[in-house]
C-alpha atoms as a PDB file:
ATOM      1  CA  UNK A   1      10.468 -24.052 -11.404  1.00  0.00           C
ATOM      2  CA  UNK A   2      12.135 -21.259 -13.292  1.00  0.00           C
ATOM      3  CA  UNK A   3      12.258 -19.397 -16.699  1.00  0.00           C
ATOM      4  CA  UNK A   4      10.027 -16.702 -18.145  1.00  0.00           C
ATOM      5  CA  UNK A   5       6.196 -17.037 -17.104  1.00  0.00           C
ATOM      6  CA  UNK A   6       3.381 -15.331 -18.795  1.00  0.00           C
ATOM      7  CA  UNK A   7       0.973 -12.776 -16.605  1.00  0.00           C
ATOM      8  CA  UNK A   8      -2.415 -11.790 -17.286  1.00  0.00           C
ATOM      9  CA  UNK A   9      -4.223  -9.110 -15.290  1.00  0.00           C
ATOM     10  CA  UNK A  10      -0.627  -7.599 -13.886  1.00  0.00           C
ATOM     11  CA  UNK A  11      -2.018  -4.259 -13.494  1.00  0.00           C
ATOM     12  CA  UNK A  12      -4.703  -5.134 -11.206  1.00  0.00           C
ATOM     13  CA  UNK A  13      -4.415  -5.281  -7.156  1.00  0.00           C
ATOM     14  CA  UNK A  14      -3.544  -9.185  -7.074  1.00  0.00           C
ATOM     15  CA  UNK A  15      -1.701  -9.707  -9.879  1.00  0.00           C
ATOM     16  CA  UNK A  16       0.416  -6.300  -9.982  1.00  0.00           C
ATOM     17  CA  UNK A  17       1.511  -7.933  -6.561  1.00  0.00           C
ATOM     18  CA  UNK A  18       2.274 -10.957  -8.159  1.00  0.00           C
ATOM     19  CA  UNK A  19       4.497  -9.106 -10.563  1.00  0.00           C
ATOM     20  CA  UNK A  20       6.648  -7.199  -7.834  1.00  0.00           C
ATOM     21  CA  UNK A  21       6.925 -10.833  -6.175  1.00  0.00           C
ATOM     22  CA  UNK A  22       8.061 -12.599  -9.290  1.00  0.00           C
ATOM     23  CA  UNK A  23      10.360  -9.711 -10.187  1.00  0.00           C
ATOM     24  CA  UNK A  24      11.779  -9.875  -6.986  1.00  0.00           C
ATOM     25  CA  UNK A  25      12.382 -13.429  -7.721  1.00  0.00           C
ATOM     26  CA  UNK A  26      14.371 -12.526 -10.501  1.00  0.00           C
ATOM     27  CA  UNK A  27      11.697 -14.246 -12.904  1.00  0.00           C
ATOM     28  CA  UNK A  28      11.571 -12.845 -16.460  1.00  0.00           C
ATOM     29  CA  UNK A  29       7.703 -11.706 -16.702  1.00  0.00           C
ATOM     30  CA  UNK A  30       5.953 -11.445 -19.651  1.00  0.00           C
ATOM     31  CA  UNK A  31       2.176  -9.302 -19.252  1.00  0.00           C
ATOM     32  CA  UNK A  32      -0.791  -8.858 -21.499  1.00  0.00           C
ATOM     33  CA  UNK A  33      -1.590  -5.328 -21.555  1.00  0.00           C
ATOM     34  CA  UNK A  34      -4.952  -3.828 -22.862  1.00  0.00           C
ATOM     35  CA  UNK A  35      -4.160  -0.203 -22.898  1.00  0.00           C
ATOM     36  CA  UNK A  36      -1.114   2.178 -22.957  1.00  0.00           C
ATOM     37  CA  UNK A  37      -1.851   3.362 -19.271  1.00  0.00           C
ATOM     38  CA  UNK A  38      -1.710  -0.630 -18.540  1.00  0.00           C
ATOM     39  CA  UNK A  39       1.583  -1.209 -20.271  1.00  0.00           C
ATOM     40  CA  UNK A  40       3.262   1.704 -18.998  1.00  0.00           C
ATOM     41  CA  UNK A  41       2.833   0.661 -15.556  1.00  0.00           C
ATOM     42  CA  UNK A  42       3.885  -3.247 -16.402  1.00  0.00           C
ATOM     43  CA  UNK A  43       6.929  -1.976 -18.197  1.00  0.00           C
ATOM     44  CA  UNK A  44       7.710   0.321 -14.845  1.00  0.00           C
ATOM     45  CA  UNK A  45       6.877  -2.813 -12.644  1.00  0.00           C
ATOM     46  CA  UNK A  46       9.581  -4.914 -14.748  1.00  0.00           C
ATOM     47  CA  UNK A  47       7.753  -6.758 -17.182  1.00  0.00           C
ATOM     48  CA  UNK A  48       7.820  -7.408 -20.874  1.00  0.00           C
ATOM     49  CA  UNK A  49       4.741  -5.921 -21.840  1.00  0.00           C
ATOM     50  CA  UNK A  50       2.668  -8.029 -24.448  1.00  0.00           C
ATOM     51  CA  UNK A  51      -0.273  -5.834 -26.058  1.00  0.00           C
ATOM     52  CA  UNK A  52      -3.844  -7.331 -26.559  1.00  0.00           C
ATOM     53  CA  UNK A  53      -6.325  -8.752 -24.649  1.00  0.00           C
ATOM     54  CA  UNK A  54      -7.854 -12.333 -23.186  1.00  0.00           C
ATOM     55  CA  UNK A  55      -9.319 -13.176 -26.848  1.00  0.00           C
ATOM     56  CA  UNK A  56      -6.258 -12.429 -28.886  1.00  0.00           C
ATOM     57  CA  UNK A  57      -5.051 -15.756 -29.778  1.00  0.00           C
ATOM     58  CA  UNK A  58      -2.119 -14.336 -31.387  1.00  0.00           C
ATOM     59  CA  UNK A  59      -0.669 -12.107 -28.773  1.00  0.00           C
ATOM     60  CA  UNK A  60      -1.356 -15.003 -26.121  1.00  0.00           C
ATOM     61  CA  UNK A  61       0.734 -17.131 -28.025  1.00  0.00           C
ATOM     62  CA  UNK A  62       3.554 -14.341 -28.885  1.00  0.00           C
ATOM     63  CA  UNK A  63       3.512 -13.617 -25.165  1.00  0.00           C
ATOM     64  CA  UNK A  64       3.585 -17.794 -24.137  1.00  0.00           C
ATOM     65  CA  UNK A  65       5.940 -18.674 -26.308  1.00  0.00           C
ATOM     66  CA  UNK A  66       8.670 -19.952 -24.261  1.00  0.00           C
ATOM     67  CA  UNK A  67       7.550 -19.593 -21.159  1.00  0.00           C
ATOM     68  CA  UNK A  68       6.596 -22.517 -18.761  1.00  0.00           C
ATOM     69  CA  UNK A  69       3.967 -21.189 -16.671  1.00  0.00           C
ATOM     70  CA  UNK A  70       0.945 -18.996 -17.233  1.00  0.00           C
ATOM     71  CA  UNK A  71      -0.605 -17.264 -14.185  1.00  0.00           C
ATOM     72  CA  UNK A  72      -4.215 -16.344 -15.143  1.00  0.00           C
ATOM     73  CA  UNK A  73      -5.186 -13.517 -12.834  1.00  0.00           C
ATOM     74  CA  UNK A  74      -6.915 -11.255 -15.031  1.00  0.00           C
ATOM     75  CA  UNK A  75     -10.668 -10.827 -14.088  1.00  0.00           C
ATOM     76  CA  UNK A  76     -13.724  -8.879 -13.580  1.00  0.00           C
ATOM     77  CA  UNK A  77     -14.403  -8.579  -9.749  1.00  0.00           C
ATOM     78  CA  UNK A  78     -17.600  -6.706  -9.292  1.00  0.00           C
ATOM     79  CA  UNK A  79     -19.838  -8.074  -7.062  1.00  0.00           C
ATOM     80  CA  UNK A  80     -23.102  -6.346  -7.775  1.00  0.00           C
ATOM     81  CA  UNK A  81     -22.876  -5.758 -11.411  1.00  0.00           C
ATOM     82  CA  UNK A  82     -26.710  -4.968 -13.237  1.00  0.00           C
ATOM     83  CA  UNK A  83     -25.358  -6.496 -16.564  1.00  0.00           C
ATOM     84  CA  UNK A  84     -23.625 -10.142 -15.574  1.00  0.00           C
ATOM     85  CA  UNK A  85     -22.807 -10.290 -19.617  1.00  0.00           C
ATOM     86  CA  UNK A  86     -19.235  -8.578 -19.227  1.00  0.00           C
ATOM     87  CA  UNK A  87     -18.312 -10.489 -15.770  1.00  0.00           C
ATOM     88  CA  UNK A  88     -19.357 -14.061 -17.679  1.00  0.00           C
ATOM     89  CA  UNK A  89     -17.543 -13.409 -20.969  1.00  0.00           C
ATOM     90  CA  UNK A  90     -13.970 -12.158 -19.130  1.00  0.00           C
ATOM     91  CA  UNK A  91     -14.486 -14.519 -16.158  1.00  0.00           C
ATOM     92  CA  UNK A  92     -15.853 -17.805 -17.872  1.00  0.00           C
ATOM     93  CA  UNK A  93     -14.966 -17.085 -21.452  1.00  0.00           C
ATOM     94  CA  UNK A  94     -12.070 -14.927 -20.635  1.00  0.00           C
ATOM     95  CA  UNK A  95     -10.554 -18.039 -18.840  1.00  0.00           C
ATOM     96  CA  UNK A  96     -11.262 -20.351 -21.154  1.00  0.00           C
ATOM     97  CA  UNK A  97      -9.322 -18.320 -24.248  1.00  0.00           C
ATOM     98  CA  UNK A  98      -6.423 -18.493 -22.077  1.00  0.00           C
ATOM     99  CA  UNK A  99      -6.161 -22.087 -21.293  1.00  0.00           C
ATOM    100  CA  UNK A 100      -6.724 -23.083 -25.151  1.00  0.00           C
ATOM    101  CA  UNK A 101      -3.566 -20.604 -25.593  1.00  0.00           C
ATOM    102  CA  UNK A 102      -1.464 -22.113 -23.229  1.00  0.00           C
ATOM    103  CA  UNK A 103      -2.356 -25.727 -24.259  1.00  0.00           C
ATOM    104  CA  UNK A 104      -1.127 -24.489 -28.040  1.00  0.00           C
ATOM    105  CA  UNK A 105       1.928 -22.894 -26.436  1.00  0.00           C
ATOM    106  CA  UNK A 106       2.941 -26.137 -24.880  1.00  0.00           C
ATOM    107  CA  UNK A 107       2.710 -24.387 -21.071  1.00  0.00           C
ATOM    108  CA  UNK A 108       3.769 -26.577 -18.694  1.00  0.00           C
ATOM    109  CA  UNK A 109       1.527 -25.603 -16.060  1.00  0.00           C
ATOM    110  CA  UNK A 110      -1.243 -22.584 -15.995  1.00  0.00           C
ATOM    111  CA  UNK A 111      -2.115 -21.354 -12.450  1.00  0.00           C
ATOM    112  CA  UNK A 112      -5.812 -19.910 -12.011  1.00  0.00           C
ATOM    113  CA  UNK A 113      -6.554 -17.136 -10.148  1.00  0.00           C
ATOM    114  CA  UNK A 114     -10.401 -17.990  -8.737  1.00  0.00           C
ATOM    115  CA  UNK A 115     -11.880 -17.145  -5.926  1.00  0.00           C
ATOM    116  CA  UNK A 116     -13.273 -18.631  -2.535  1.00  0.00           C
ATOM    117  CA  UNK A 117     -16.734 -18.055  -3.619  1.00  0.00           C
ATOM    118  CA  UNK A 118     -16.404 -20.766  -5.837  1.00  0.00           C
ATOM    119  CA  UNK A 119     -16.601 -23.046  -2.601  1.00  0.00           C
ATOM    120  CA  UNK A 120     -20.018 -22.317  -2.010  1.00  0.00           C
ATOM    121  CA  UNK A 121     -20.849 -23.740   1.191  1.00  0.00           C
ATOM    122  CA  UNK A 122     -23.947 -23.842   2.586  1.00  0.00           C
ATOM    123  CA  UNK A 123     -24.799 -21.489   5.267  1.00  0.00           C
ATOM    124  CA  UNK A 124     -23.390 -22.166   8.467  1.00  0.00           C
ATOM    125  CA  UNK A 125     -21.098 -24.998   7.118  1.00  0.00           C
ATOM    126  CA  UNK A 126     -17.365 -24.339   6.839  1.00  0.00           C
ATOM    127  CA  UNK A 127     -15.971 -24.345   3.384  1.00  0.00           C
ATOM    128  CA  UNK A 128     -13.284 -26.330   2.187  1.00  0.00           C
ATOM    129  CA  UNK A 129     -11.918 -26.926  -1.385  1.00  0.00           C
ATOM    130  CA  UNK A 130     -13.921 -30.048  -1.449  1.00  0.00           C
ATOM    131  CA  UNK A 131     -17.131 -29.068  -0.379  1.00  0.00           C
ATOM    132  CA  UNK A 132     -20.141 -29.599  -2.786  1.00  0.00           C
ATOM    133  CA  UNK A 133     -21.201 -26.389  -3.603  1.00  0.00           C
ATOM    134  CA  UNK A 134     -24.784 -25.554  -2.704  1.00  0.00           C
ATOM    135  CA  UNK A 135     -26.069 -25.173  -6.188  1.00  0.00           C
ATOM    136  CA  UNK A 136     -27.176 -21.739  -5.814  1.00  0.00           C
ATOM    137  CA  UNK A 137     -25.333 -18.108  -6.256  1.00  0.00           C
ATOM    138  CA  UNK A 138     -25.231 -15.249  -4.035  1.00  0.00           C
ATOM    139  CA  UNK A 139     -23.771 -12.869  -7.120  1.00  0.00           C
ATOM    140  CA  UNK A 140     -22.980 -12.681 -10.740  1.00  0.00           C
ATOM    141  CA  UNK A 141     -19.406 -12.211  -9.873  1.00  0.00           C
ATOM    142  CA  UNK A 142     -19.616 -15.517  -8.155  1.00  0.00           C
ATOM    143  CA  UNK A 143     -21.363 -18.094 -10.646  1.00  0.00           C
ATOM    144  CA  UNK A 144     -18.884 -16.828 -13.171  1.00  0.00           C
ATOM    145  CA  UNK A 145     -15.852 -17.511 -11.283  1.00  0.00           C
ATOM    146  CA  UNK A 146     -17.711 -21.059 -10.452  1.00  0.00           C
ATOM    147  CA  UNK A 147     -18.068 -21.878 -13.892  1.00  0.00           C
ATOM    148  CA  UNK A 148     -14.709 -19.790 -15.084  1.00  0.00           C
ATOM    149  CA  UNK A 149     -12.662 -22.425 -12.524  1.00  0.00           C
ATOM    150  CA  UNK A 150     -14.685 -25.367 -13.931  1.00  0.00           C
ATOM    151  CA  UNK A 151     -14.267 -24.637 -17.692  1.00  0.00           C
ATOM    152  CA  UNK A 152     -10.232 -23.999 -17.108  1.00  0.00           C
ATOM    153  CA  UNK A 153      -9.938 -27.276 -15.161  1.00  0.00           C
ATOM    154  CA  UNK A 154     -12.252 -28.978 -18.188  1.00  0.00           C
ATOM    155  CA  UNK A 155     -10.463 -27.951 -20.930  1.00  0.00           C
ATOM    156  CA  UNK A 156      -6.912 -28.312 -18.976  1.00  0.00           C
ATOM    157  CA  UNK A 157      -7.480 -31.771 -18.769  1.00  0.00           C
ATOM    158  CA  UNK A 158      -9.250 -32.031 -22.439  1.00  0.00           C
ATOM    159  CA  UNK A 159      -6.110 -30.527 -24.129  1.00  0.00           C
ATOM    160  CA  UNK A 160      -3.423 -31.841 -21.884  1.00  0.00           C
ATOM    161  CA  UNK A 161      -2.424 -28.888 -19.986  1.00  0.00           C
ATOM    162  CA  UNK A 162      -1.958 -28.984 -15.796  1.00  0.00           C
ATOM    163  CA  UNK A 163      -4.257 -26.432 -14.509  1.00  0.00           C
ATOM    164  CA  UNK A 164      -3.767 -25.444 -10.735  1.00  0.00           C
ATOM    165  CA  UNK A 165      -6.466 -23.057  -8.798  1.00  0.00           C
ATOM    166  CA  UNK A 166      -5.455 -20.549  -6.597  1.00  0.00           C
ATOM    167  CA  UNK A 167      -8.796 -19.648  -4.174  1.00  0.00           C
ATOM    168  CA  UNK A 168      -8.336 -16.775  -2.117  1.00  0.00           C
ATOM    169  CA  UNK A 169     -10.950 -15.387   0.244  1.00  0.00           C
ATOM    170  CA  UNK A 170     -10.991 -11.290   0.171  1.00  0.00           C
ATOM    171  CA  UNK A 171      -7.660 -10.249  -0.585  1.00  0.00           C
ATOM    172  CA  UNK A 172      -6.378  -6.543   1.591  1.00  0.00           C
ATOM    173  CA  UNK A 173      -3.183  -5.136   1.460  1.00  0.00           C
ATOM    174  CA  UNK A 174      -1.946  -1.112   0.793  1.00  0.00           C
ATOM    175  CA  UNK A 175      -3.362  -0.240  -2.327  1.00  0.00           C
ATOM    176  CA  UNK A 176      -6.929  -1.730  -2.537  1.00  0.00           C
ATOM    177  CA  UNK A 177      -9.507   0.798  -2.997  1.00  0.00           C
ATOM    178  CA  UNK A 178     -12.357  -1.423  -4.576  1.00  0.00           C
ATOM    179  CA  UNK A 179     -14.483  -4.482  -3.470  1.00  0.00           C
ATOM    180  CA  UNK A 180     -14.893  -5.383   0.243  1.00  0.00           C
ATOM    181  CA  UNK A 181     -12.038  -2.788   1.148  1.00  0.00           C
ATOM    182  CA  UNK A 182     -14.617  -0.062  -0.244  1.00  0.00           C
ATOM    183  CA  UNK A 183     -17.490  -1.679   1.744  1.00  0.00           C
ATOM    184  CA  UNK A 184     -15.410  -1.563   4.946  1.00  0.00           C
ATOM    185  CA  UNK A 185     -13.575   1.665   4.795  1.00  0.00           C
ATOM    186  CA  UNK A 186     -17.129   3.139   4.271  1.00  0.00           C
ATOM    187  CA  UNK A 187     -18.255   1.550   7.308  1.00  0.00           C
ATOM    188  CA  UNK A 188     -15.182   2.922   9.394  1.00  0.00           C
ATOM    189  CA  UNK A 189     -15.375   6.638   7.563  1.00  0.00           C
ATOM    190  CA  UNK A 190     -19.381   6.342   9.013  1.00  0.00           C
ATOM    191  CA  UNK A 191     -20.656   6.332   5.278  1.00  0.00           C
ATOM    192  CA  UNK A 192     -22.078   3.142   5.853  1.00  0.00           C
ATOM    193  CA  UNK A 193     -23.696   1.888   8.684  1.00  0.00           C
ATOM    194  CA  UNK A 194     -23.073  -1.872   9.332  1.00  0.00           C
ATOM    195  CA  UNK A 195     -26.362  -3.209   8.638  1.00  0.00           C
ATOM    196  CA  UNK A 196     -25.877  -7.162   8.702  1.00  0.00           C
ATOM    197  CA  UNK A 197     -22.887  -8.502  10.578  1.00  0.00           C
ATOM    198  CA  UNK A 198     -21.708 -11.238   8.477  1.00  0.00           C
ATOM    199  CA  UNK A 199     -18.366 -12.951   8.485  1.00  0.00           C
ATOM    200  CA  UNK A 200     -15.910 -12.203   6.286  1.00  0.00           C
ATOM    201  CA  UNK A 201     -12.449 -14.312   5.668  1.00  0.00           C
ATOM    202  CA  UNK A 202      -9.582 -12.206   4.457  1.00  0.00           C
ATOM    203  CA  UNK A 203      -5.884 -12.697   3.446  1.00  0.00           C
ATOM    204  CA  UNK A 204      -3.158 -10.236   2.947  1.00  0.00           C
ATOM    205  CA  UNK A 205      -2.033  -9.545  -0.502  1.00  0.00           C
ATOM    206  CA  UNK A 206       1.545 -10.754  -0.019  1.00  0.00           C
ATOM    207  CA  UNK A 207       0.107 -13.925   1.378  1.00  0.00           C
ATOM    208  CA  UNK A 208      -1.992 -14.346  -1.433  1.00  0.00           C
ATOM    209  CA  UNK A 209       1.146 -13.493  -3.711  1.00  0.00           C
ATOM    210  CA  UNK A 210       3.238 -15.973  -2.197  1.00  0.00           C
ATOM    211  CA  UNK A 211       0.147 -18.744  -2.724  1.00  0.00           C
ATOM    212  CA  UNK A 212       0.486 -18.356  -6.493  1.00  0.00           C
ATOM    213  CA  UNK A 213       4.503 -18.880  -6.451  1.00  0.00           C
ATOM    214  CA  UNK A 214       3.765 -21.766  -4.072  1.00  0.00           C
ATOM    215  CA  UNK A 215       0.903 -23.188  -6.375  1.00  0.00           C
ATOM    216  CA  UNK A 216       3.577 -23.146  -9.171  1.00  0.00           C
ATOM    217  CA  UNK A 217       6.095 -24.894  -7.440  1.00  0.00           C
ATOM    218  CA  UNK A 218       3.809 -27.484  -5.278  1.00  0.00           C
ATOM    219  CA  UNK A 219       0.234 -27.617  -6.602  1.00  0.00           C
ATOM    220  CA  UNK A 220      -1.381 -30.758  -7.877  1.00  0.00           C
ATOM    221  CA  UNK A 221      -2.771 -30.287 -10.805  1.00  0.00           C
ATOM    222  CA  UNK A 222      -6.545 -30.636 -10.723  1.00  0.00           C
ATOM    223  CA  UNK A 223      -6.566 -29.221  -7.687  1.00  0.00           C
ATOM    224  CA  UNK A 224      -7.678 -26.234  -5.850  1.00  0.00           C
ATOM    225  CA  UNK A 225      -6.309 -24.082  -2.994  1.00  0.00           C
ATOM    226  CA  UNK A 226      -8.214 -21.974  -0.712  1.00  0.00           C
ATOM    227  CA  UNK A 227      -5.964 -19.256   0.659  1.00  0.00           C
ATOM    228  CA  UNK A 228      -7.200 -17.328   3.459  1.00  0.00           C
ATOM    229  CA  UNK A 229      -5.703 -15.564   6.819  1.00  0.00           C
ATOM    230  CA  UNK A 230      -8.411 -15.085   8.951  1.00  0.00           C
ATOM    231  CA  UNK A 231     -12.456 -15.434   9.486  1.00  0.00           C
ATOM    232  CA  UNK A 232     -13.983 -12.746  11.794  1.00  0.00           C
ATOM    233  CA  UNK A 233     -17.348 -11.034  12.068  1.00  0.00           C
ATOM    234  CA  UNK A 234     -17.934  -7.578  10.066  1.00  0.00           C
ATOM    235  CA  UNK A 235     -17.903  -5.521  13.247  1.00  0.00           C
ATOM    236  CA  UNK A 236     -14.724  -6.794  14.725  1.00  0.00           C
ATOM    237  CA  UNK A 237     -12.880  -5.889  11.237  1.00  0.00           C
ATOM    238  CA  UNK A 238     -14.339  -2.871  11.860  1.00  0.00           C
ATOM    239  CA  UNK A 239     -13.641  -2.162  15.341  1.00  0.00           C
ATOM    240  CA  UNK A 240      -9.751  -3.323  14.741  1.00  0.00           C
ATOM    241  CA  UNK A 241      -9.206  -1.057  11.431  1.00  0.00           C
ATOM    242  CA  UNK A 242     -11.010   1.791  13.556  1.00  0.00           C
ATOM    243  CA  UNK A 243      -8.052   1.094  15.977  1.00  0.00           C
ATOM    244  CA  UNK A 244      -5.415   0.859  13.537  1.00  0.00           C
ATOM    245  CA  UNK A 245      -6.090   3.849  11.741  1.00  0.00           C
ATOM    246  CA  UNK A 246      -6.712   6.099  14.733  1.00  0.00           C
ATOM    247  CA  UNK A 247     -10.493   6.482  13.394  1.00  0.00           C
ATOM    248  CA  UNK A 248     -13.100   6.891  16.602  1.00  0.00           C
END
């Protein structure tokens, strides 16, 4: 697909990489910005800035007008938040707001950045796109992304909008400073011991960006696509990081 696209979350780690990919591909990108700092960053990255937030229907319609595709990447990624309300508002209600605006703007396709956590495979099982969720949630973030994905699909079907979900595992790459990257770096630098040697699935940021572009081009509406590069034990991941960084 070609033509202009509308992007939310373009100043974040995943959205920023996607912005660079789209601009490199010669796409015209209109990006939503809440703050002056985000606007400056997006403009420097080659996007046309639209000021507003996920709940500003007018701003969303303005940015989406004339676009064929919306990439909804914006979201709160906080695994251990004390107050789940802001996460639920952004990841569930915010997703619904963007889907409604996209339908009103006659968008052809919306690519929704979900998460591999929405798969919810039982302990010891291998999760796939069609795995039945175990029914319980390990964090407010997992619950919010699960509900946000379901809301996006349901609203898309109701309003006649093609919604495709991209479900990345732990996204890693240059510039990642939060989330699981912080945990791994704390372990590598000796600030945190490996208390539980669990498994970690990771995907390179460039592969994640490529998956979004492929979802726009070839994704089946109503389907979700797991995006992962490797699954390994945390101890193994830490050992590889120490070897690569020269850290003892």
